[in-house]
Protein backbone atom coordinates (compact mmCIF):
# COMPACT_ATOMS: atom_id res chain seq x y z
CA MET A 1 0.00 0.00 0.00
CA ALA A 2 1.43 3.34 -1.02
CA ARG A 3 2.30 5.70 1.76
CA LYS A 4 0.39 8.96 1.81
CA THR A 5 2.25 12.27 1.71
CA PRO A 6 2.44 13.49 5.32
CA LYS A 7 0.62 16.68 6.17
CA LEU A 8 1.01 19.14 8.99
CA ASP A 9 -1.36 17.86 11.63
CA LEU A 10 -2.14 21.12 13.35
CA THR A 11 -5.19 21.37 15.57
CA PRO A 12 -6.86 24.35 17.24
CA GLU A 13 -5.91 22.97 20.66
CA LEU A 14 -2.24 23.89 20.05
CA PRO A 15 -0.95 27.00 21.83
CA ASP A 16 -0.40 30.29 19.96
CA VAL A 17 3.01 30.68 18.30
CA VAL A 18 4.72 33.84 17.13
CA SER A 19 6.71 32.88 14.01
CA ARG A 20 5.31 34.21 10.78
CA ASP A 21 5.91 31.05 8.78
CA PHE A 22 4.11 28.79 11.29
CA ASN A 23 1.01 30.93 11.02
CA MET A 24 1.00 30.34 7.25
CA PHE A 25 -0.18 26.83 8.12
CA TYR A 26 -1.89 27.31 11.50
CA ARG A 27 -4.11 30.08 12.77
CA PRO A 28 -5.68 28.95 16.10
CA GLU A 29 -9.20 30.06 16.83
CA ALA A 30 -9.76 32.04 20.01
CA GLU A 31 -11.87 30.02 22.49
CA PRO A 32 -13.73 31.09 25.66
CA GLN A 33 -11.45 30.84 28.67
CA ILE A 34 -12.33 27.98 31.04
CA ALA A 35 -13.74 29.18 34.35
CA GLY A 36 -11.10 29.19 37.09
CA LEU A 37 -8.22 28.68 34.59
CA LYS A 38 -6.60 32.00 35.44
CA GLU A 39 -6.61 31.21 39.19
CA PHE A 40 -5.30 27.67 38.56
CA THR A 41 -2.44 28.99 36.42
CA ALA A 42 -1.45 31.48 39.09
CA SER A 43 -1.41 28.74 41.76
CA LEU A 44 0.71 26.54 39.47
CA ASP A 45 3.21 29.37 39.00
CA ASN A 46 3.49 29.78 42.76
CA PHE A 47 4.19 26.07 43.12
CA VAL A 48 6.86 26.04 40.41
CA ASN A 49 8.55 29.09 41.84
CA GLY A 50 8.27 27.92 45.42
CA ALA A 51 11.07 26.40 47.49
CA GLY A 52 9.27 23.07 47.77
CA SER A 53 9.83 22.29 44.09
CA SER A 54 13.44 23.50 43.78
CA MET A 55 14.98 20.04 44.07
CA VAL A 56 12.73 18.60 41.36
CA ILE A 57 13.43 21.45 38.97
CA GLY A 58 17.17 21.31 39.64
CA SER A 59 17.19 17.63 38.74
CA LEU A 60 15.33 18.33 35.48
CA VAL A 61 17.75 21.12 34.53
CA LYS A 62 20.71 18.77 35.02
CA GLU A 63 18.99 16.02 33.02
CA LYS A 64 18.18 18.43 30.20
CA LYS A 65 21.73 19.80 30.09
CA GLU A 66 23.33 16.35 29.89
CA ASN A 67 20.97 14.98 27.26
CA THR A 68 21.10 18.13 25.18
CA ALA A 69 24.89 17.99 25.08
CA LYS A 70 24.74 14.29 24.13
CA ALA A 71 22.32 15.09 21.28
CA VAL A 72 24.65 17.80 19.93
CA GLN A 73 27.59 15.39 19.99
CA ASP A 74 25.67 12.54 18.31
CA PHE A 75 24.25 14.85 15.64
CA ALA A 76 27.77 15.98 14.71
CA GLU A 77 29.14 12.43 14.68
CA ASN A 78 26.21 10.74 12.91
CA LYS A 79 26.00 13.43 10.21
CA MET A 80 22.35 12.37 9.87
CA LYS A 81 19.09 14.15 10.43
CA PHE A 82 16.57 12.78 12.93
CA LYS A 83 14.53 10.59 10.58
CA GLU A 84 17.57 9.02 8.95
CA ALA A 85 19.28 8.45 12.33
CA VAL A 86 16.21 6.61 13.74
CA LYS A 87 15.91 4.53 10.58
CA ALA A 88 19.62 3.64 10.69
CA GLY A 89 19.40 2.70 14.35
CA LYS A 90 21.76 5.44 15.44
CA ILE A 91 19.23 6.76 17.98
CA ASP A 92 16.25 5.26 19.76
CA LYS A 93 12.98 7.11 19.25
CA THR A 94 12.09 6.19 22.85
CA ALA A 95 15.24 7.82 24.21
CA ASN A 96 15.24 10.64 26.76
CA PRO A 97 12.78 13.38 25.67
CA PHE A 98 15.35 16.15 26.17
CA TYR A 99 17.79 14.23 23.93
CA LEU A 100 15.15 13.66 21.25
CA ASP A 101 13.94 17.26 21.33
CA LYS A 102 17.45 18.62 20.85
CA TYR A 103 18.28 16.16 18.07
CA LYS A 104 15.06 17.10 16.27
CA GLU A 105 15.82 20.78 16.73
CA LEU A 106 19.31 20.41 15.21
CA SER A 107 17.87 18.43 12.30
CA LEU A 108 15.22 21.04 11.64
CA ASN A 109 17.82 23.83 11.90
CA GLU A 110 19.75 22.13 9.12
CA TYR A 111 16.57 21.78 7.04
CA ALA A 112 16.00 25.50 7.54
CA SER A 113 19.53 26.24 6.30
CA GLU A 114 18.93 24.08 3.21
CA PHE A 115 15.68 25.91 2.60
CA ASN A 116 17.43 29.28 2.76
CA ASP A 117 19.95 28.18 0.13
CA ARG A 118 17.13 27.07 -2.16
CA LEU A 119 15.15 30.25 -1.47
CA ILE A 120 18.00 32.53 -2.51
CA LYS A 121 18.77 30.49 -5.64
CA LYS A 122 15.13 30.47 -6.79
CA TYR A 123 14.84 34.18 -6.04
CA GLY A 124 17.57 34.79 -8.58
CA ASP A 125 16.52 32.11 -11.07
CA LEU A 126 12.91 33.36 -11.20
CA ASN A 127 14.02 37.03 -11.32
CA VAL A 128 11.63 37.84 -8.46
CA ILE A 129 13.27 41.24 -8.02
CA ASN A 130 11.46 42.43 -11.16
CA ASP A 131 8.05 41.11 -10.07
CA ILE A 132 6.19 44.33 -9.28
CA ASN A 133 2.77 42.67 -8.89
CA GLU A 134 1.13 43.11 -5.51
CA GLY A 135 1.90 40.14 -3.29
CA GLY A 136 4.47 38.84 -5.75
CA PHE A 137 7.14 38.18 -3.13
CA ASP A 138 4.65 36.59 -0.68
CA ASN A 139 3.36 34.20 -3.34
CA PHE A 140 6.89 33.23 -4.36
CA TYR A 141 7.89 32.62 -0.74
CA GLN A 142 4.83 30.57 0.19
CA ASP A 143 5.10 28.40 -2.91
CA THR A 144 8.80 27.74 -2.25
CA LEU A 145 8.22 26.92 1.44
CA LYS A 146 5.29 24.57 0.78
CA GLU A 147 7.23 22.81 -1.94
CA PHE A 148 10.20 22.30 0.40
CA ILE A 149 8.07 20.98 3.30
CA THR A 150 6.37 18.46 1.00
CA GLU A 151 9.63 17.37 -0.63
CA LYS A 152 11.41 16.85 2.71
CA ASN A 153 8.35 15.19 4.33
CA LEU A 154 8.50 17.57 7.28
CA GLY A 155 4.86 16.87 8.15
CA VAL A 156 5.99 13.89 10.26
CA PHE A 157 7.44 16.24 12.84
CA ASN A 158 5.43 17.52 15.78
CA PRO A 159 4.14 21.05 14.95
CA ILE A 160 5.75 22.55 18.04
CA ASP A 161 9.08 20.93 17.10
CA LEU A 162 8.69 22.45 13.64
CA GLU A 163 8.06 25.85 15.17
CA GLU A 164 11.08 25.72 17.45
CA GLY A 165 13.57 24.18 15.02
CA PHE A 166 12.36 25.17 11.54
CA PHE A 167 9.76 27.93 11.26
CA LYS A 168 11.51 30.36 13.60
CA GLU A 169 14.66 30.02 11.48
CA THR A 170 12.89 30.30 8.12
CA SER A 171 10.95 33.33 9.36
CA ASN A 172 14.25 35.08 10.07
CA TYR A 173 15.57 34.17 6.61
CA ARG A 174 12.33 35.44 5.08
CA ALA A 175 12.53 38.76 6.93
CA SER A 176 16.09 39.33 5.73
CA LEU A 177 15.36 38.51 2.08
CA GLU A 178 12.12 40.46 2.10
CA ALA A 179 13.88 43.56 3.43
CA GLN A 180 16.47 43.29 0.64
CA HIS A 181 13.68 42.72 -1.89
CA LYS A 182 11.81 45.85 -0.85
CA GLN A 183 14.96 47.95 -0.96
CA SER A 184 15.92 46.57 -4.37
CA GLN A 185 12.42 47.19 -5.73
CA LEU A 186 12.51 50.74 -4.42
CA GLU A 187 15.82 51.36 -6.17
CA LEU A 188 14.56 49.60 -9.30
CA PHE A 189 11.40 51.69 -9.33
CA LYS A 190 13.41 54.88 -8.89
CA LYS A 191 15.79 53.87 -11.66
CA LYS A 192 12.95 53.03 -14.06
CA PHE A 193 11.14 56.22 -13.14
CA ASN A 194 14.29 58.27 -13.81
CA GLU A 195 14.79 56.50 -17.13
CA LYS A 196 11.20 57.34 -18.13
CA VAL A 197 11.76 61.01 -17.30
CA LYS A 198 15.02 61.12 -19.27
CA ASN A 199 13.43 59.31 -22.21
CA LYS A 200 10.57 61.79 -22.16
CA VAL A 201 13.03 64.69 -22.38
CA VAL A 202 14.91 63.00 -25.24
CA GLY A 203 11.56 62.45 -26.96
CA ILE A 204 10.68 66.15 -26.64
CA VAL A 205 13.98 67.21 -28.22
CA SER A 206 13.60 64.65 -31.03
CA LYS A 207 10.06 65.85 -31.64
CA TYR A 208 11.22 69.41 -32.39
CA LYS A 209 14.52 68.63 -34.11
CA ASN A 210 12.88 68.18 -37.52
CA TYR A 211 9.73 70.13 -36.77
CA GLU A 212 9.15 70.89 -40.44
CA LEU A 213 8.57 67.18 -41.10
CA ASN A 214 6.53 66.48 -37.95
CA PRO A 215 2.79 66.47 -38.75
CA THR A 216 1.89 67.02 -35.08
CA ILE A 217 3.57 70.44 -35.08
CA ASP A 218 2.25 73.54 -36.80
CA ASP A 219 5.52 74.62 -38.41
CA THR A 220 4.06 78.03 -39.24
CA LYS A 221 4.30 78.86 -35.53
CA VAL A 222 7.84 77.55 -35.12
CA THR A 223 11.07 79.18 -36.23
CA SER A 224 14.69 78.27 -35.80
CA SER A 225 14.89 80.84 -32.98
CA THR A 226 11.75 79.76 -31.10
CA VAL A 227 12.21 76.00 -31.34
CA PHE A 228 14.41 75.95 -28.22
CA GLU A 229 11.79 77.87 -26.21
CA LEU A 230 9.17 75.30 -27.25
CA ILE A 231 11.45 72.42 -26.25
CA ALA A 232 12.02 74.07 -22.86
CA LYS A 233 8.29 74.77 -22.44
CA ASP A 234 7.41 71.09 -22.86
CA ILE A 235 10.23 70.01 -20.52
CA ASN A 236 9.08 72.55 -17.90
CA LYS A 237 5.60 71.00 -17.98
CA GLU A 238 7.11 67.58 -17.45
CA ILE A 239 9.26 68.82 -14.54
CA GLN A 240 6.34 70.54 -12.83
CA SER A 241 4.02 67.52 -13.13
CA ILE A 242 6.62 65.35 -11.40
CA ILE A 243 7.32 67.92 -8.66
CA ASP A 244 3.58 68.11 -7.96
CA VAL A 245 3.64 64.40 -7.17
CA THR A 246 7.03 63.93 -5.50
CA GLY A 247 7.69 67.39 -4.08
CA ASP A 248 11.38 66.90 -4.92
CA GLY A 249 12.41 69.75 -7.20
CA ARG A 250 16.19 69.30 -7.07
CA ASP A 251 16.23 65.64 -8.15
CA THR A 252 13.59 66.21 -10.81
CA ILE A 253 15.53 69.08 -12.35
CA ASP A 254 18.75 67.04 -12.32
CA ILE A 255 17.03 64.07 -13.96
CA ALA A 256 15.45 66.26 -16.63
CA PHE A 257 18.80 67.89 -17.41
CA GLN A 258 20.38 64.43 -17.56
CA GLY A 259 17.85 63.68 -20.29
CA LEU A 260 19.28 66.61 -22.25
CA ALA A 261 22.78 65.31 -21.51
CA ASP A 262 21.83 61.84 -22.77
CA TYR A 263 20.57 63.30 -26.03
CA VAL A 264 23.68 65.40 -26.50
CA SER A 265 26.01 62.49 -25.63
CA VAL A 266 24.72 60.29 -28.46
CA ALA A 267 23.90 63.01 -30.98
CA THR A 268 25.61 62.89 -34.37
CA ASP A 269 24.31 66.30 -35.47
CA TYR A 270 26.84 68.20 -33.37
CA GLU A 271 25.79 71.68 -34.47
CA PHE A 272 22.17 71.12 -33.38
CA ALA A 273 23.33 69.46 -30.15
CA LYS A 274 25.53 72.49 -29.34
CA LYS A 275 22.55 74.79 -29.89
CA ILE A 276 20.43 72.61 -27.58
CA ILE A 277 22.92 72.76 -24.75
CA ASN A 278 23.50 76.49 -25.21
CA ASN A 279 19.86 77.60 -25.56
CA VAL A 280 17.42 75.24 -23.82
CA PRO A 281 18.75 75.60 -20.22
CA LYS A 282 18.15 79.36 -20.25
CA TYR A 283 14.40 78.73 -20.69
CA LEU A 284 14.18 75.91 -18.11
CA VAL A 285 13.00 77.04 -14.68
CA GLY A 286 14.56 75.70 -11.50
CA GLY A 287 12.89 77.24 -8.48
CA THR A 288 13.03 80.98 -9.02
CA ASP A 289 15.90 81.02 -11.48
CA SER A 290 16.87 79.73 -14.90
CA LEU A 291 18.63 76.35 -14.96
CA GLU A 292 21.63 77.84 -16.71
CA ASN A 293 22.37 79.92 -13.60
CA ILE A 294 22.38 76.96 -11.21
CA GLY A 295 26.00 76.16 -10.38
CA ARG A 296 25.97 72.38 -10.83
CA ILE A 297 23.92 72.66 -14.04
CA LYS A 298 26.22 75.36 -15.40
CA THR A 299 29.27 73.17 -14.79
CA LYS A 300 27.65 70.18 -16.47
CA LYS A 301 26.59 72.36 -19.40
CA GLU A 302 30.18 73.49 -19.98
CA GLU A 303 31.42 69.90 -19.80
CA LEU A 304 28.87 68.78 -22.38
CA TYR A 305 29.71 71.61 -24.73
CA GLN A 306 33.41 70.74 -24.54
CA LEU A 307 32.54 67.08 -25.16
CA LEU A 308 30.61 68.06 -28.29
CA ILE A 309 33.53 70.08 -29.62
CA GLU A 310 35.91 67.16 -29.04
CA LYS A 311 33.53 64.67 -30.67
CA GLN A 312 33.04 66.99 -33.64
CA GLN A 313 36.81 67.31 -34.07
CA GLU A 314 37.21 63.57 -33.71
CA LYS A 315 34.51 62.96 -36.35
CA THR A 316 36.21 65.38 -38.76
CA SER A 317 39.56 63.70 -38.11
CA ARG A 318 38.06 60.24 -38.72
CA GLN A 319 36.47 61.41 -41.95
CA ASN A 320 39.76 62.90 -43.13
CA ASP A 321 41.63 59.74 -42.13
CA PHE A 322 39.13 57.62 -44.03
CA ILE A 323 39.35 59.78 -47.14
CA ASN A 324 43.15 59.77 -47.03
CA ALA A 325 43.22 56.03 -46.41
CA GLN A 326 41.00 55.49 -49.46
CA LYS A 327 43.22 57.71 -51.57
CA THR A 328 46.38 56.01 -50.30
CA ASN A 329 44.93 52.58 -50.99
CA SER A 330 43.89 53.58 -54.49
CA ARG A 331 47.34 54.98 -55.33
CA LEU A 332 49.24 52.06 -53.82
CA THR A 333 47.06 49.48 -55.57
CA THR A 334 47.34 51.23 -58.93
CA TYR A 335 51.10 51.82 -58.64
CA ASN A 336 51.79 48.23 -57.61
CA TYR A 337 49.59 46.92 -60.43
CA LEU A 338 51.63 48.92 -62.94
CA GLU A 339 54.81 47.38 -61.52
CA THR A 340 53.42 43.91 -62.28
CA GLN A 341 52.73 44.98 -65.89
CA ARG A 342 56.21 46.40 -66.45
CA ASN A 343 57.31 43.58 -68.78
CA ASN A 344 53.87 42.82 -70.25
CA PRO A 345 54.06 43.67 -74.02
CA ASP A 346 50.27 43.63 -74.27
CA PHE A 347 49.75 46.26 -71.60
CA ASN A 348 49.20 49.83 -72.85
CA ILE A 349 49.58 52.35 -70.08
CA VAL A 350 48.06 55.17 -72.17
CA GLU A 351 44.87 53.20 -72.78
CA TYR A 352 44.80 52.24 -69.11
CA TYR A 353 45.08 55.91 -68.14
CA ASN A 354 42.34 57.02 -70.57
CA ASP A 355 39.88 54.38 -69.41
CA PRO A 356 36.81 56.39 -68.20
CA ARG A 357 36.67 54.16 -65.11
CA ARG A 358 39.95 55.57 -63.82
CA THR A 359 39.56 57.75 -60.73
CA THR A 360 41.53 60.92 -60.02
CA ASP A 361 43.74 59.12 -57.50
CA GLU A 362 44.40 56.27 -59.92
CA LYS A 363 45.47 58.79 -62.57
CA ILE A 364 47.79 60.49 -60.05
CA ALA A 365 49.39 57.09 -59.37
CA ILE A 366 49.80 56.43 -63.11
CA ASP A 367 51.48 59.82 -63.63
CA GLN A 368 53.68 59.15 -60.64
CA TYR A 369 54.64 55.73 -61.97
CA LYS A 370 55.48 57.07 -65.45
CA THR A 371 57.66 59.80 -63.96
CA ASP A 372 59.43 57.34 -61.63
CA GLN A 373 60.44 55.25 -64.63
CA LEU A 374 62.65 58.11 -65.80
CA PHE A 375 64.81 57.76 -62.68
CA ASP A 376 66.98 55.02 -61.27
CA GLY A 377 66.96 56.20 -57.69
CA GLY A 378 69.99 56.14 -55.46
CA LYS A 379 72.62 53.45 -55.07
CA SER A 380 72.00 53.49 -51.34
CA ASP A 381 69.46 54.95 -48.93
CA ASP A 382 69.99 58.40 -47.49
CA ARG A 383 69.59 58.02 -43.72
CA ASP A 384 67.73 61.34 -43.40
CA ALA A 385 65.32 60.27 -46.14
CA ILE A 386 64.41 57.04 -44.32
CA ILE A 387 63.94 58.90 -41.01
CA LEU A 388 61.70 61.43 -42.80
CA ILE A 389 59.46 58.74 -44.34
CA GLU A 390 59.16 56.81 -41.08
CA GLY A 391 58.24 59.99 -39.24
CA LEU A 392 55.29 60.49 -41.59
CA LEU A 393 54.18 56.89 -41.08
CA LYS A 394 54.38 57.30 -37.30
CA GLU A 395 52.11 60.34 -37.62
CA ARG A 396 49.82 58.19 -39.82
CA LYS A 397 50.21 60.59 -42.75
CA PHE A 398 50.14 57.83 -45.34
CA LEU A 399 49.23 59.92 -48.36
CA GLU A 400 52.08 62.33 -47.61
CA ALA A 401 54.43 59.37 -47.07
CA HIS A 402 53.46 57.92 -50.46
CA GLU A 403 54.24 61.18 -52.20
CA LYS A 404 57.46 61.67 -50.21
CA VAL A 405 58.77 58.21 -51.16
CA SER A 406 58.28 58.97 -54.83
CA GLN A 407 59.98 62.36 -54.52
CA LEU A 408 62.95 60.98 -52.58
CA PHE A 409 63.35 58.23 -55.18
CA LYS A 410 63.45 60.80 -57.98
CA ASP A 411 65.99 62.81 -55.99
CA GLY A 412 68.23 59.73 -55.81
CA ARG A 413 68.02 59.56 -52.01
CA ILE A 414 66.54 56.06 -51.79
CA THR A 415 67.01 52.94 -53.90
CA ARG A 416 64.43 51.43 -56.22
CA ALA A 417 64.19 48.41 -53.91
CA THR A 418 63.39 50.66 -50.94
CA LYS A 419 60.86 52.64 -52.97
CA ASN A 420 59.11 49.45 -54.11
CA ASN A 421 59.13 48.04 -50.58
CA TYR A 422 57.41 51.14 -49.22
CA PHE A 423 54.77 51.07 -51.94
CA ASP A 424 54.24 47.33 -51.88
CA THR A 425 54.42 46.60 -48.15
CA ARG A 426 55.56 49.13 -45.61
CA ILE A 427 52.96 51.92 -46.07
CA ALA A 428 50.02 49.49 -46.26
CA ASN A 429 51.23 47.52 -43.23
CA SER A 430 51.70 50.68 -41.17
CA ARG A 431 48.20 51.82 -42.12
CA ASP A 432 46.52 48.47 -41.39
CA PHE A 433 48.46 47.28 -38.34
CA GLY A 434 50.26 50.31 -36.90
CA GLU A 435 47.65 50.83 -34.17
CA HIS A 436 46.79 47.16 -33.68
CA PRO A 437 45.90 46.47 -29.99
CA LEU A 438 48.41 43.61 -29.86
CA PHE A 439 51.21 46.18 -29.80
CA ASN A 440 49.91 47.46 -26.45
CA SER A 441 48.98 44.07 -24.99
CA SER A 442 52.58 43.20 -24.18
CA ARG A 443 54.98 45.34 -22.15
CA ALA A 444 57.90 43.55 -23.80
CA VAL A 445 56.76 44.75 -27.24
CA SER A 446 55.64 48.28 -26.39
CA ASP A 447 58.56 49.06 -24.05
CA ASN A 448 61.28 47.96 -26.48
CA ILE A 449 59.75 49.80 -29.43
CA LYS A 450 59.38 52.90 -27.26
CA ALA A 451 63.05 52.55 -26.29
CA LEU A 452 64.04 52.67 -29.97
CA GLU A 453 61.66 55.57 -30.58
CA SER A 454 63.25 57.47 -27.71
CA VAL A 455 66.52 57.42 -29.68
CA LEU A 456 64.72 59.18 -32.53
CA ALA A 457 63.32 61.78 -30.14
CA SER A 458 66.68 62.39 -28.46
CA ASN A 459 69.73 64.39 -29.48
CA ALA A 460 71.44 61.24 -30.73
CA SER A 461 73.58 61.36 -33.87
CA GLN A 462 71.93 60.86 -37.24
CA GLY A 463 73.74 57.52 -37.49
CA ASP A 464 72.19 56.29 -34.26
CA LYS A 465 68.79 57.58 -35.31
CA LEU A 466 69.09 55.70 -38.59
CA LYS A 467 69.99 52.49 -36.74
CA ALA A 468 67.00 52.95 -34.44
CA THR A 469 64.74 53.63 -37.43
CA ASN A 470 65.96 50.54 -39.24
CA GLY A 471 65.48 48.49 -36.09
CA ILE A 472 61.88 49.67 -35.75
CA ILE A 473 61.19 48.99 -39.44
CA TYR A 474 62.56 45.48 -39.12
CA ILE A 475 60.65 44.61 -35.94
CA GLU A 476 57.36 46.17 -37.07
CA ASN A 477 57.40 44.62 -40.53
CA LYS A 478 58.01 41.18 -39.05
CA LEU A 479 55.22 41.66 -36.52
CA TYR A 480 52.81 43.08 -39.12
CA SER A 481 53.33 39.98 -41.24
CA TRP A 482 52.76 37.74 -38.23
CA ILE A 483 49.49 39.51 -37.34
CA ARG A 484 48.23 39.29 -40.92
CA ASP A 485 49.02 35.57 -41.12
CA ASN A 486 47.83 34.53 -37.65
CA GLN A 487 45.17 36.79 -36.14
CA ASN A 488 42.29 34.92 -37.84
CA ASP A 489 43.61 31.45 -37.01
CA PRO A 490 40.71 29.36 -35.56
CA LYS A 491 42.89 28.27 -32.64
CA TYR A 492 42.74 31.83 -31.28
CA GLU A 493 38.94 32.14 -31.47
CA GLY A 494 37.67 33.10 -28.03
CA LYS A 495 41.23 32.95 -26.66
CA PRO A 496 42.65 36.50 -26.84
CA SER A 497 45.26 35.77 -24.16
CA LEU A 498 46.70 32.92 -26.25
CA LEU A 499 47.00 35.25 -29.26
CA GLU A 500 48.73 37.86 -27.08
CA ASP A 501 51.14 35.28 -25.66
CA ASP A 502 52.11 33.94 -29.09
CA PHE A 503 52.51 37.49 -30.41
CA GLU A 504 54.92 38.28 -27.58
CA LYS A 505 56.85 35.05 -28.19
CA GLN A 506 57.19 36.01 -31.84
CA PHE A 507 58.44 39.45 -30.88
CA LEU A 508 61.01 38.03 -28.48
CA LYS A 509 62.26 35.68 -31.21
CA ILE A 510 62.57 38.58 -33.69
CA PHE A 511 64.22 40.78 -31.07
CA LYS A 512 66.67 38.04 -30.09
CA ASP A 513 67.64 37.42 -33.71
CA LEU A 514 68.09 41.13 -34.34
CA LYS A 515 70.27 41.54 -31.27
CA ASN A 516 72.36 38.38 -31.55
CA PHE A 517 72.81 37.89 -35.27
CA SER A 518 72.75 41.29 -36.99
CA GLU A 519 75.40 43.96 -36.85
CA LEU A 520 72.63 46.53 -36.57
CA GLY A 521 71.33 44.74 -33.48
CA THR A 522 74.67 44.46 -31.75
CA THR A 523 75.30 48.14 -32.41
CA LEU A 524 71.94 49.19 -31.03
CA PHE A 525 72.35 47.06 -27.94
CA GLY A 526 75.89 47.79 -26.94
CA LYS A 527 78.36 45.75 -29.00
CA GLY A 528 79.46 45.01 -32.57
CA GLU A 529 80.36 47.10 -35.59
CA THR A 530 78.28 49.91 -37.02
CA GLY A 531 76.08 49.57 -40.06
CA PHE A 532 75.35 46.61 -42.31
CA SER A 533 75.66 45.87 -46.00
CA GLY A 534 73.30 44.47 -48.62
CA SER A 535 71.48 45.42 -51.80
CA GLY A 536 67.95 44.52 -50.71
CA THR A 537 65.43 46.30 -48.52
CA ILE A 538 66.18 47.08 -44.88
CA VAL A 539 64.29 43.98 -43.76
CA GLU A 540 65.93 41.79 -46.42
CA ASN A 541 69.39 43.08 -45.52
CA ILE A 542 68.88 42.44 -41.81
CA ASP A 543 67.49 38.99 -42.61
CA ALA A 544 70.61 38.26 -44.64
CA GLU A 545 72.87 39.39 -41.79
CA ILE A 546 70.98 37.22 -39.32
CA GLN A 547 71.13 34.17 -41.55
CA LYS A 548 74.84 34.71 -42.21
CA LYS A 549 75.61 34.81 -38.50
CA LYS A 550 73.49 31.72 -37.88
CA ASP A 551 75.28 29.84 -40.65
CA GLN A 552 78.63 30.87 -39.22
CA ASN A 553 77.63 29.65 -35.81
CA LYS A 554 76.52 26.31 -37.27
CA SER A 555 79.79 25.81 -39.19
CA THR A 556 82.12 26.61 -36.29
CA ALA A 557 80.06 24.52 -33.94
CA LYS A 558 81.08 21.41 -35.94
CA TYR A 559 84.55 21.39 -34.35
CA THR A 560 85.80 21.30 -30.79
CA LYS A 561 88.83 23.35 -29.75
CA GLU A 562 90.97 20.17 -29.74
CA GLN A 563 89.83 19.23 -33.26
CA ILE A 564 90.60 22.71 -34.57
CA ALA A 565 94.12 22.56 -33.09
CA ILE A 566 94.87 19.14 -34.65
CA MET A 567 93.29 19.99 -38.02
CA THR A 568 95.23 23.26 -38.22
CA VAL A 569 98.52 21.30 -37.87
CA ASP A 570 97.34 18.63 -40.34
CA MET A 571 96.58 21.30 -42.94
CA LYS A 572 100.35 21.52 -43.54
CA ALA A 573 101.51 18.10 -42.32
CA ILE A 574 99.43 15.71 -44.46
CA SER A 575 98.04 15.54 -48.00
CA SER A 576 94.54 16.62 -48.95
CA ALA A 577 93.42 13.03 -49.43
CA GLU A 578 94.77 12.00 -46.01
CA PHE A 579 93.16 15.09 -44.41
CA ARG A 580 89.76 14.28 -45.96
CA GLU A 581 90.03 10.62 -44.88
CA LYS A 582 91.04 11.52 -41.34
CA HIS A 583 88.72 14.44 -40.65
CA LYS A 584 85.79 13.73 -43.04
CA VAL A 585 86.01 17.23 -44.51
CA THR A 586 88.14 18.83 -47.22
CA LYS A 587 90.92 21.27 -46.48
CA GLU A 588 89.03 23.92 -48.51
CA GLN A 589 85.84 23.52 -46.43
CA PHE A 590 87.77 23.63 -43.17
CA ARG A 591 89.56 26.77 -44.34
CA LYS A 592 86.19 28.47 -45.15
CA ASP A 593 84.76 27.44 -41.79
CA MET A 594 87.70 29.00 -40.01
CA GLU A 595 87.38 32.19 -42.06
CA ASN A 596 83.70 32.45 -41.07
CA LYS A 597 84.62 31.92 -37.47
């Protein structure tokens, strides 16, 4: 036979209790007092408090103390609640009443703690904080408590035991959460109310911004000079209606002005926004004065106006940067395309130029290319020319850098290889990756590049500045290439720290190679000869130096000091055939290895 779900067996004969949660289940009816009960109770009190009963009561106190302590100890050791402990035979349900009462109380205390954990979790899961319906919290709490009591079968406990061990605890938890709930709802209501006020102000401004197109406004009564008075008039009505309800003028005025600030902060029509912030406050009333004369409002107004100026300048700068970037891209692409067609007999540059699809910037690039073909450029790079170009790139003046490269090439101050490298790679890379966040994610990268840049900003010799410039070019070009090849690798998706770590590792590898294997690097970092040779670009020349040093290190590492000493003697003492047989290398190869060393 299936066991029925236990229920709280609470009867009207039970005494009144004070906990709020108990009374959710039990509300005793008031009954007529039995005749003589008051006198009997008083006599009983006299007996209990009298000297004649002191020995009996003292014995009970001792018994209660001992059994209570035993219950606390057993509860801790058994790690079981009352029902489980009885079922497992850990305690006898006929044991001393004081012992049983305490064990039950501890069990119910733990149930109450479990309930509190569940209550808090469900409060968050069900988003009760946003339930603004009347009685919403009470309904949530009652449903959660009833569900817990049924699930844990707490109906088997005596109601008074439940009151002492469970309901008193849960009532305290409820009071705490309810107090937080009310405070949170008050703050939430205030926040939502403030948002509504600010949105209303933004709506008023938006309504009048394009009043000519708004069918709800008689544009014959509105002019560009009166529109701000009308905006202020509507906002004043809104402010006064709120003050009439709340009586709080200061907060209402601040909230309304914040609505203006919100509009201005996101506005893209900066000229209109500046007029709003300059004109509307003078028509807004705060107490007996205009809002524009209130100190805190005046300060905020000035801050907003300055913000608008900065944002307007930033917008203009972005637009100019975009236009210049488009022009630079068009010229670079066209110029580089013409380079690829240099030896194409079927390509006619005149027809290409006269094609009606050619843009102005493409035609500038074609003219530039045709002129450049009349010059051979220099046999080496002028150090001042390189520093000049790199300075323009650092200032992100890419269009100017493009033109400067061409001019310096014609003047014979840079080689054709350097000119082509700037057009094909360096300018585009600086534009696309020069402000990439990876460069600021690592102190190792940013600090070392800044150290080289400090040489350029110092009073160092032009030779040192050129070395620093070349070092920066080499490091940046290598890193730009790495970013282009790796930043979209699937292994970095959702793992920005891994991308940053690998970027730093790549930098350290490049930096180590530059320092240890190139003459430029050893000069920059305190040892070695000055300068480096090579007919390629700066990056290609440094790469060649690095590879040369690495190859030298590999060749000399083939021999120990003892082997070198013996082989040096054998070079003169034995024949070439005997030398090759003995040392597994020819005399010529050994001689080259020693020269490299």
